[in-house]
Amino acid sequence: MISRGPLIVPVEVKSGRSGSLKSLQQFVTQKNIPLAVRFDLNPPGMQEISHSISTAKGIKRANYKLLSLPLYLAEALPKVLDEIRVSSRL
């Protein structure tokens, strides 16, 4: 988790190129978070994600942006988040 101004962003780190984001998706859906970050071995990118989870009250849906960054950019995350916040008004 990282906070940057009013923005609270969940962060997940993966050791390879792919993997499940189950806990990240559950958190984003339950807390209605607009942006999440994944560090892995893939090139940088931003995806629009639409996800659903089952809850005791039924199906809950979430739409959020997933920022994927390579592991070597971890130190730059605060600056990247500032740029995203300014450009997309998150």
PDB file of N, CA and C in Angstrom:
ATOM      1  N   MET A   1       0.844  -1.164   0.000  1.00  0.00           N
ATOM      2  CA  MET A   1       0.000   0.000   0.000  1.00  0.00           C
ATOM      3  C   MET A   1       0.894   1.233   0.000  1.00  0.00           C
ATOM      4  N   ILE A   2       0.519   2.218  -0.787  1.00  0.00           N
ATOM      5  CA  ILE A   2       1.231   3.489  -0.789  1.00  0.00           C
ATOM      6  C   ILE A   2       0.174   4.595  -0.816  1.00  0.00           C
ATOM      7  N   SER A   3       0.441   5.666  -0.097  1.00  0.00           N
ATOM      8  CA  SER A   3      -0.461   6.811  -0.183  1.00  0.00           C
ATOM      9  C   SER A   3       0.310   7.968  -0.787  1.00  0.00           C
ATOM     10  N   ARG A   4      -0.376   8.694  -1.619  1.00  0.00           N
ATOM     11  CA  ARG A   4       0.231   9.838  -2.314  1.00  0.00           C
ATOM     12  C   ARG A   4      -0.836  10.916  -2.370  1.00  0.00           C
ATOM     13  N   GLY A   5      -0.720  11.928  -1.528  1.00  0.00           N
ATOM     14  CA  GLY A   5      -1.776  12.920  -1.421  1.00  0.00           C
ATOM     15  C   GLY A   5      -3.036  12.228  -0.937  1.00  0.00           C
ATOM     16  N   PRO A   6      -4.176  12.489  -1.563  1.00  0.00           N
ATOM     17  CA  PRO A   6      -5.421  11.834  -1.148  1.00  0.00           C
ATOM     18  C   PRO A   6      -5.577  10.415  -1.716  1.00  0.00           C
ATOM     19  N   LEU A   7      -4.645   9.998  -2.535  1.00  0.00           N
ATOM     20  CA  LEU A   7      -4.730   8.725  -3.234  1.00  0.00           C
ATOM     21  C   LEU A   7      -4.104   7.604  -2.412  1.00  0.00           C
ATOM     22  N   ILE A   8      -4.859   6.532  -2.194  1.00  0.00           N
ATOM     23  CA  ILE A   8      -4.337   5.320  -1.549  1.00  0.00           C
ATOM     24  C   ILE A   8      -4.327   4.235  -2.614  1.00  0.00           C
ATOM     25  N   VAL A   9      -3.138   3.652  -2.839  1.00  0.00           N
ATOM     26  CA  VAL A   9      -2.959   2.721  -3.946  1.00  0.00           C
ATOM     27  C   VAL A   9      -2.429   1.382  -3.433  1.00  0.00           C
ATOM     28  N   PRO A  10      -3.165   0.290  -3.686  1.00  0.00           N
ATOM     29  CA  PRO A  10      -2.635  -1.026  -3.353  1.00  0.00           C
ATOM     30  C   PRO A  10      -1.557  -1.424  -4.363  1.00  0.00           C
ATOM     31  N   VAL A  11      -0.532  -2.107  -3.877  1.00  0.00           N
ATOM     32  CA  VAL A  11       0.599  -2.512  -4.712  1.00  0.00           C
ATOM     33  C   VAL A  11       0.821  -4.007  -4.533  1.00  0.00           C
ATOM     34  N   GLU A  12       1.014  -4.703  -5.644  1.00  0.00           N
ATOM     35  CA  GLU A  12       1.341  -6.128  -5.599  1.00  0.00           C
ATOM     36  C   GLU A  12       2.619  -6.350  -6.391  1.00  0.00           C
ATOM     37  N   VAL A  13       3.486  -7.191  -5.869  1.00  0.00           N
ATOM     38  CA  VAL A  13       4.761  -7.507  -6.517  1.00  0.00           C
ATOM     39  C   VAL A  13       4.738  -8.975  -6.918  1.00  0.00           C
ATOM     40  N   LYS A  14       5.036  -9.228  -8.180  1.00  0.00           N
ATOM     41  CA  LYS A  14       5.099 -10.594  -8.707  1.00  0.00           C
ATOM     42  C   LYS A  14       6.529 -10.884  -9.140  1.00  0.00           C
ATOM     43  N   SER A  15       6.965 -12.106  -8.939  1.00  0.00           N
ATOM     44  CA  SER A  15       8.345 -12.460  -9.275  1.00  0.00           C
ATOM     45  C   SER A  15       8.527 -12.813 -10.747  1.00  0.00           C
ATOM     46  N   GLY A  16       7.452 -13.102 -11.446  1.00  0.00           N
ATOM     47  CA  GLY A  16       7.567 -13.489 -12.848  1.00  0.00           C
ATOM     48  C   GLY A  16       6.804 -12.558 -13.765  1.00  0.00           C
ATOM     49  N   ARG A  17       6.463 -13.061 -14.939  1.00  0.00           N
ATOM     50  CA  ARG A  17       5.742 -12.258 -15.930  1.00  0.00           C
ATOM     51  C   ARG A  17       4.230 -12.312 -15.744  1.00  0.00           C
ATOM     52  N   SER A  18       3.730 -13.305 -15.056  1.00  0.00           N
ATOM     53  CA  SER A  18       2.283 -13.415 -14.883  1.00  0.00           C
ATOM     54  C   SER A  18       1.976 -13.988 -13.508  1.00  0.00           C
ATOM     55  N   GLY A  19       0.735 -13.994 -13.194  1.00  0.00           N
ATOM     56  CA  GLY A  19       0.298 -14.543 -11.923  1.00  0.00           C
ATOM     57  C   GLY A  19      -1.060 -13.981 -11.561  1.00  0.00           C
ATOM     58  N   SER A  20      -1.685 -14.623 -10.627  1.00  0.00           N
ATOM     59  CA  SER A  20      -3.002 -14.207 -10.177  1.00  0.00           C
ATOM     60  C   SER A  20      -2.906 -12.929  -9.351  1.00  0.00           C
ATOM     61  N   LEU A  21      -3.875 -12.089  -9.484  1.00  0.00           N
ATOM     62  CA  LEU A  21      -3.955 -10.862  -8.688  1.00  0.00           C
ATOM     63  C   LEU A  21      -5.174 -10.932  -7.771  1.00  0.00           C
ATOM     64  N   LYS A  22      -5.486 -12.125  -7.285  1.00  0.00           N
ATOM     65  CA  LYS A  22      -6.723 -12.347  -6.548  1.00  0.00           C
ATOM     66  C   LYS A  22      -6.877 -11.413  -5.349  1.00  0.00           C
ATOM     67  N   SER A  23      -5.882 -11.328  -4.492  1.00  0.00           N
ATOM     68  CA  SER A  23      -6.010 -10.485  -3.298  1.00  0.00           C
ATOM     69  C   SER A  23      -6.090  -9.003  -3.676  1.00  0.00           C
ATOM     70  N   LEU A  24      -5.334  -8.594  -4.674  1.00  0.00           N
ATOM     71  CA  LEU A  24      -5.381  -7.209  -5.138  1.00  0.00           C
ATOM     72  C   LEU A  24      -6.769  -6.888  -5.686  1.00  0.00           C
ATOM     73  N   GLN A  25      -7.316  -7.759  -6.498  1.00  0.00           N
ATOM     74  CA  GLN A  25      -8.635  -7.537  -7.082  1.00  0.00           C
ATOM     75  C   GLN A  25      -9.729  -7.523  -6.012  1.00  0.00           C
ATOM     76  N   GLN A  26      -9.618  -8.388  -5.015  1.00  0.00           N
ATOM     77  CA  GLN A  26     -10.596  -8.383  -3.929  1.00  0.00           C
ATOM     78  C   GLN A  26     -10.549  -7.066  -3.164  1.00  0.00           C
ATOM     79  N   PHE A  27      -9.354  -6.592  -2.857  1.00  0.00           N
ATOM     80  CA  PHE A  27      -9.209  -5.341  -2.122  1.00  0.00           C
ATOM     81  C   PHE A  27      -9.774  -4.169  -2.927  1.00  0.00           C
ATOM     82  N   VAL A  28      -9.401  -4.078  -4.191  1.00  0.00           N
ATOM     83  CA  VAL A  28      -9.859  -2.991  -5.057  1.00  0.00           C
ATOM     84  C   VAL A  28     -11.386  -3.006  -5.158  1.00  0.00           C
ATOM     85  N   THR A  29     -11.966  -4.173  -5.293  1.00  0.00           N
ATOM     86  CA  THR A  29     -13.410  -4.297  -5.424  1.00  0.00           C
ATOM     87  C   THR A  29     -14.117  -3.926  -4.119  1.00  0.00           C
ATOM     88  N   GLN A  30     -13.630  -4.428  -3.002  1.00  0.00           N
ATOM     89  CA  GLN A  30     -14.282  -4.156  -1.721  1.00  0.00           C
ATOM     90  C   GLN A  30     -14.161  -2.696  -1.300  1.00  0.00           C
ATOM     91  N   LYS A  31     -13.049  -2.061  -1.603  1.00  0.00           N
ATOM     92  CA  LYS A  31     -12.801  -0.686  -1.157  1.00  0.00           C
ATOM     93  C   LYS A  31     -13.078   0.362  -2.233  1.00  0.00           C
ATOM     94  N   ASN A  32     -13.479  -0.087  -3.420  1.00  0.00           N
ATOM     95  CA  ASN A  32     -13.789   0.818  -4.532  1.00  0.00           C
ATOM     96  C   ASN A  32     -12.604   1.746  -4.851  1.00  0.00           C
ATOM     97  N   ILE A  33     -11.441   1.148  -5.067  1.00  0.00           N
ATOM     98  CA  ILE A  33     -10.196   1.862  -5.356  1.00  0.00           C
ATOM     99  C   ILE A  33     -10.084   2.072  -6.865  1.00  0.00           C
ATOM    100  N   PRO A  34      -9.746   3.294  -7.335  1.00  0.00           N
ATOM    101  CA  PRO A  34      -9.700   3.539  -8.782  1.00  0.00           C
ATOM    102  C   PRO A  34      -8.404   3.122  -9.476  1.00  0.00           C
ATOM    103  N   LEU A  35      -7.326   2.866  -8.686  1.00  0.00           N
ATOM    104  CA  LEU A  35      -6.026   2.571  -9.281  1.00  0.00           C
ATOM    105  C   LEU A  35      -5.279   1.564  -8.418  1.00  0.00           C
ATOM    106  N   ALA A  36      -4.639   0.603  -9.064  1.00  0.00           N
ATOM    107  CA  ALA A  36      -3.787  -0.371  -8.382  1.00  0.00           C
ATOM    108  C   ALA A  36      -2.495  -0.505  -9.181  1.00  0.00           C
ATOM    109  N   VAL A  37      -1.439  -0.959  -8.498  1.00  0.00           N
ATOM    110  CA  VAL A  37      -0.125  -1.095  -9.135  1.00  0.00           C
ATOM    111  C   VAL A  37       0.361  -2.536  -9.004  1.00  0.00           C
ATOM    112  N   ARG A  38       0.940  -3.029 -10.093  1.00  0.00           N
ATOM    113  CA  ARG A  38       1.571  -4.357 -10.084  1.00  0.00           C
ATOM    114  C   ARG A  38       3.000  -4.190 -10.589  1.00  0.00           C
ATOM    115  N   PHE A  39       3.944  -4.682  -9.810  1.00  0.00           N
ATOM    116  CA  PHE A  39       5.335  -4.760 -10.258  1.00  0.00           C
ATOM    117  C   PHE A  39       5.597  -6.193 -10.685  1.00  0.00           C
ATOM    118  N   ASP A  40       6.156  -6.358 -11.888  1.00  0.00           N
ATOM    119  CA  ASP A  40       6.514  -7.687 -12.381  1.00  0.00           C
ATOM    120  C   ASP A  40       7.604  -7.536 -13.436  1.00  0.00           C
ATOM    121  N   LEU A  41       7.798  -8.538 -14.256  1.00  0.00           N
ATOM    122  CA  LEU A  41       8.860  -8.504 -15.256  1.00  0.00           C
ATOM    123  C   LEU A  41       8.395  -8.017 -16.621  1.00  0.00           C
ATOM    124  N   ASN A  42       7.149  -7.606 -16.743  1.00  0.00           N
ATOM    125  CA  ASN A  42       6.611  -7.125 -18.013  1.00  0.00           C
ATOM    126  C   ASN A  42       6.962  -5.661 -18.241  1.00  0.00           C
ATOM    127  N   PRO A  43       6.848  -5.194 -19.490  1.00  0.00           N
ATOM    128  CA  PRO A  43       7.076  -3.769 -19.772  1.00  0.00           C
ATOM    129  C   PRO A  43       5.984  -2.916 -19.107  1.00  0.00           C
ATOM    130  N   PRO A  44       6.251  -1.624 -18.925  1.00  0.00           N
ATOM    131  CA  PRO A  44       5.253  -0.750 -18.309  1.00  0.00           C
ATOM    132  C   PRO A  44       3.978  -0.671 -19.147  1.00  0.00           C
ATOM    133  N   GLY A  45       2.867  -0.496 -18.462  1.00  0.00           N
ATOM    134  CA  GLY A  45       1.598  -0.348 -19.166  1.00  0.00           C
ATOM    135  C   GLY A  45       0.471  -0.025 -18.204  1.00  0.00           C
ATOM    136  N   MET A  46      -0.614   0.479 -18.759  1.00  0.00           N
ATOM    137  CA  MET A  46      -1.813   0.791 -17.987  1.00  0.00           C
ATOM    138  C   MET A  46      -2.981   0.079 -18.643  1.00  0.00           C
ATOM    139  N   GLN A  47      -3.782  -0.629 -17.836  1.00  0.00           N
ATOM    140  CA  GLN A  47      -4.934  -1.361 -18.353  1.00  0.00           C
ATOM    141  C   GLN A  47      -6.182  -0.922 -17.609  1.00  0.00           C
ATOM    142  N   GLU A  48      -7.290  -0.907 -18.308  1.00  0.00           N
ATOM    143  CA  GLU A  48      -8.596  -0.739 -17.675  1.00  0.00           C
ATOM    144  C   GLU A  48      -9.080  -2.144 -17.321  1.00  0.00           C
ATOM    145  N   ILE A  49      -9.362  -2.368 -16.052  1.00  0.00           N
ATOM    146  CA  ILE A  49      -9.778  -3.686 -15.585  1.00  0.00           C
ATOM    147  C   ILE A  49     -11.222  -3.616 -15.114  1.00  0.00           C
ATOM    148  N   SER A  50     -11.998  -4.608 -15.490  1.00  0.00           N
ATOM    149  CA  SER A  50     -13.354  -4.785 -14.990  1.00  0.00           C
ATOM    150  C   SER A  50     -13.378  -6.145 -14.312  1.00  0.00           C
ATOM    151  N   HIS A  51     -13.744  -6.157 -13.036  1.00  0.00           N
ATOM    152  CA  HIS A  51     -13.642  -7.389 -12.265  1.00  0.00           C
ATOM    153  C   HIS A  51     -14.873  -7.565 -11.388  1.00  0.00           C
ATOM    154  N   SER A  52     -15.261  -8.809 -11.139  1.00  0.00           N
ATOM    155  CA  SER A  52     -16.384  -9.126 -10.263  1.00  0.00           C
ATOM    156  C   SER A  52     -15.939 -10.135  -9.220  1.00  0.00           C
ATOM    157  N   ILE A  53     -16.458  -9.982  -8.000  1.00  0.00           N
ATOM    158  CA  ILE A  53     -16.221 -10.979  -6.960  1.00  0.00           C
ATOM    159  C   ILE A  53     -17.551 -11.337  -6.318  1.00  0.00           C
ATOM    160  N   SER A  54     -17.620 -12.538  -5.762  1.00  0.00           N
ATOM    161  CA  SER A  54     -18.808 -12.970  -5.037  1.00  0.00           C
ATOM    162  C   SER A  54     -18.665 -12.572  -3.582  1.00  0.00           C
ATOM    163  N   THR A  55     -19.703 -11.968  -3.043  1.00  0.00           N
ATOM    164  CA  THR A  55     -19.735 -11.605  -1.631  1.00  0.00           C
ATOM    165  C   THR A  55     -20.983 -12.214  -1.008  1.00  0.00           C
ATOM    166  N   ALA A  56     -21.117 -12.078   0.293  1.00  0.00           N
ATOM    167  CA  ALA A  56     -22.315 -12.572   0.976  1.00  0.00           C
ATOM    168  C   ALA A  56     -23.563 -11.857   0.485  1.00  0.00           C
ATOM    169  N   LYS A  57     -23.393 -10.641  -0.019  1.00  0.00           N
ATOM    170  CA  LYS A  57     -24.525  -9.847  -0.514  1.00  0.00           C
ATOM    171  C   LYS A  57     -24.728  -9.981  -2.022  1.00  0.00           C
ATOM    172  N   GLY A  58     -23.979 -10.880  -2.660  1.00  0.00           N
ATOM    173  CA  GLY A  58     -24.114 -11.077  -4.098  1.00  0.00           C
ATOM    174  C   GLY A  58     -22.841 -10.704  -4.842  1.00  0.00           C
ATOM    175  N   ILE A  59     -22.970 -10.478  -6.123  1.00  0.00           N
ATOM    176  CA  ILE A  59     -21.834 -10.134  -6.977  1.00  0.00           C
ATOM    177  C   ILE A  59     -21.538  -8.640  -6.847  1.00  0.00           C
ATOM    178  N   LYS A  60     -20.261  -8.329  -6.650  1.00  0.00           N
ATOM    179  CA  LYS A  60     -19.838  -6.935  -6.596  1.00  0.00           C
ATOM    180  C   LYS A  60     -18.848  -6.702  -7.732  1.00  0.00           C
ATOM    181  N   ARG A  61     -19.059  -5.632  -8.467  1.00  0.00           N
ATOM    182  CA  ARG A  61     -18.229  -5.323  -9.634  1.00  0.00           C
ATOM    183  C   ARG A  61     -17.342  -4.117  -9.355  1.00  0.00           C
ATOM    184  N   ALA A  62     -16.191  -4.116 -10.000  1.00  0.00           N
ATOM    185  CA  ALA A  62     -15.269  -2.984  -9.873  1.00  0.00           C
ATOM    186  C   ALA A  62     -14.623  -2.707 -11.217  1.00  0.00           C
ATOM    187  N   ASN A  63     -14.434  -1.443 -11.502  1.00  0.00           N
ATOM    188  CA  ASN A  63     -13.676  -0.994 -12.673  1.00  0.00           C
ATOM    189  C   ASN A  63     -12.537  -0.140 -12.136  1.00  0.00           C
ATOM    190  N   TYR A  64     -11.326  -0.467 -12.530  1.00  0.00           N
ATOM    191  CA  TYR A  64     -10.172   0.274 -12.039  1.00  0.00           C
ATOM    192  C   TYR A  64      -9.054   0.223 -13.069  1.00  0.00           C
ATOM    193  N   LYS A  65      -8.074   1.081 -12.857  1.00  0.00           N
ATOM    194  CA  LYS A  65      -6.889   1.091 -13.712  1.00  0.00           C
ATOM    195  C   LYS A  65      -5.792   0.295 -13.015  1.00  0.00           C
ATOM    196  N   LEU A  66      -5.134  -0.561 -13.786  1.00  0.00           N
ATOM    197  CA  LEU A  66      -4.011  -1.337 -13.267  1.00  0.00           C
ATOM    198  C   LEU A  66      -2.744  -0.846 -13.962  1.00  0.00           C
ATOM    199  N   LEU A  67      -1.868  -0.259 -13.169  1.00  0.00           N
ATOM    200  CA  LEU A  67      -0.578   0.207 -13.660  1.00  0.00           C
ATOM    201  C   LEU A  67       0.429  -0.911 -13.457  1.00  0.00           C
ATOM    202  N   SER A  68       0.987  -1.415 -14.540  1.00  0.00           N
ATOM    203  CA  SER A  68       2.016  -2.452 -14.471  1.00  0.00           C
ATOM    204  C   SER A  68       3.372  -1.812 -14.722  1.00  0.00           C
ATOM    205  N   LEU A  69       4.284  -2.045 -13.807  1.00  0.00           N
ATOM    206  CA  LEU A  69       5.634  -1.496 -13.924  1.00  0.00           C
ATOM    207  C   LEU A  69       6.655  -2.595 -13.716  1.00  0.00           C
ATOM    208  N   PRO A  70       7.796  -2.517 -14.405  1.00  0.00           N
ATOM    209  CA  PRO A  70       8.870  -3.472 -14.150  1.00  0.00           C
ATOM    210  C   PRO A  70       9.463  -3.213 -12.758  1.00  0.00           C
ATOM    211  N   LEU A  71      10.025  -4.239 -12.191  1.00  0.00           N
ATOM    212  CA  LEU A  71      10.557  -4.158 -10.829  1.00  0.00           C
ATOM    213  C   LEU A  71      11.575  -3.038 -10.641  1.00  0.00           C
ATOM    214  N   TYR A  72      12.356  -2.754 -11.673  1.00  0.00           N
ATOM    215  CA  TYR A  72      13.403  -1.742 -11.520  1.00  0.00           C
ATOM    216  C   TYR A  72      12.841  -0.319 -11.370  1.00  0.00           C
ATOM    217  N   LEU A  73      11.552  -0.125 -11.622  1.00  0.00           N
ATOM    218  CA  LEU A  73      10.946   1.197 -11.474  1.00  0.00           C
ATOM    219  C   LEU A  73      10.277   1.412 -10.110  1.00  0.00           C
ATOM    220  N   ALA A  74      10.499   0.519  -9.174  1.00  0.00           N
ATOM    221  CA  ALA A  74       9.859   0.641  -7.854  1.00  0.00           C
ATOM    222  C   ALA A  74      10.178   1.979  -7.199  1.00  0.00           C
ATOM    223  N   GLU A  75      11.399   2.430  -7.304  1.00  0.00           N
ATOM    224  CA  GLU A  75      11.804   3.687  -6.680  1.00  0.00           C
ATOM    225  C   GLU A  75      11.095   4.888  -7.307  1.00  0.00           C
ATOM    226  N   ALA A  76      10.687   4.775  -8.548  1.00  0.00           N
ATOM    227  CA  ALA A  76      10.042   5.884  -9.253  1.00  0.00           C
ATOM    228  C   ALA A  76       8.534   5.937  -9.029  1.00  0.00           C
ATOM    229  N   LEU A  77       7.966   5.001  -8.282  1.00  0.00           N
ATOM    230  CA  LEU A  77       6.513   4.927  -8.129  1.00  0.00           C
ATOM    231  C   LEU A  77       5.887   6.229  -7.614  1.00  0.00           C
ATOM    232  N   PRO A  78       6.423   6.883  -6.587  1.00  0.00           N
ATOM    233  CA  PRO A  78       5.782   8.135  -6.140  1.00  0.00           C
ATOM    234  C   PRO A  78       5.671   9.184  -7.247  1.00  0.00           C
ATOM    235  N   LYS A  79       6.708   9.342  -8.035  1.00  0.00           N
ATOM    236  CA  LYS A  79       6.673  10.323  -9.129  1.00  0.00           C
ATOM    237  C   LYS A  79       5.669   9.902 -10.198  1.00  0.00           C
ATOM    238  N   VAL A  80       5.627   8.622 -10.525  1.00  0.00           N
ATOM    239  CA  VAL A  80       4.681   8.116 -11.522  1.00  0.00           C
ATOM    240  C   VAL A  80       3.249   8.352 -11.043  1.00  0.00           C
ATOM    241  N   LEU A  81       2.983   8.089  -9.768  1.00  0.00           N
ATOM    242  CA  LEU A  81       1.644   8.314  -9.226  1.00  0.00           C
ATOM    243  C   LEU A  81       1.263   9.788  -9.268  1.00  0.00           C
ATOM    244  N   ASP A  82       2.213  10.659  -8.982  1.00  0.00           N
ATOM    245  CA  ASP A  82       1.935  12.100  -9.074  1.00  0.00           C
ATOM    246  C   ASP A  82       1.542  12.485 -10.493  1.00  0.00           C
ATOM    247  N   GLU A  83       2.250  11.949 -11.485  1.00  0.00           N
ATOM    248  CA  GLU A  83       1.936  12.241 -12.886  1.00  0.00           C
ATOM    249  C   GLU A  83       0.551  11.723 -13.270  1.00  0.00           C
ATOM    250  N   ILE A  84       0.228  10.528 -12.821  1.00  0.00           N
ATOM    251  CA  ILE A  84      -1.077   9.938 -13.127  1.00  0.00           C
ATOM    252  C   ILE A  84      -2.184  10.760 -12.466  1.00  0.00           C
ATOM    253  N   ARG A  85      -1.973  11.136 -11.234  1.00  0.00           N
ATOM    254  CA  ARG A  85      -2.976  11.905 -10.488  1.00  0.00           C
ATOM    255  C   ARG A  85      -3.257  13.242 -11.168  1.00  0.00           C
ATOM    256  N   VAL A  86      -2.225  13.902 -11.623  1.00  0.00           N
ATOM    257  CA  VAL A  86      -2.383  15.196 -12.289  1.00  0.00           C
ATOM    258  C   VAL A  86      -3.073  15.017 -13.644  1.00  0.00           C
ATOM    259  N   SER A  87      -2.667  14.015 -14.409  1.00  0.00           N
ATOM    260  CA  SER A  87      -3.194  13.868 -15.772  1.00  0.00           C
ATOM    261  C   SER A  87      -4.590  13.265 -15.813  1.00  0.00           C
ATOM    262  N   SER A  88      -4.955  12.436 -14.841  1.00  0.00           N
ATOM    263  CA  SER A  88      -6.266  11.785 -14.918  1.00  0.00           C
ATOM    264  C   SER A  88      -7.215  12.170 -13.784  1.00  0.00           C
ATOM    265  N   ARG A  89      -6.764  13.064 -12.927  1.00  0.00           N
ATOM    266  CA  ARG A  89      -7.597  13.556 -11.810  1.00  0.00           C
ATOM    267  C   ARG A  89      -8.113  12.455 -10.929  1.00  0.00           C
ATOM    268  N   LEU A  90      -7.245  11.540 -10.535  1.00  0.00           N
ATOM    269  CA  LEU A  90      -7.646  10.467  -9.590  1.00  0.00           C
ATOM    270  C   LEU A  90      -7.672  11.011  -8.188  1.00  0.00           C
TER     271      LEU A  90
END
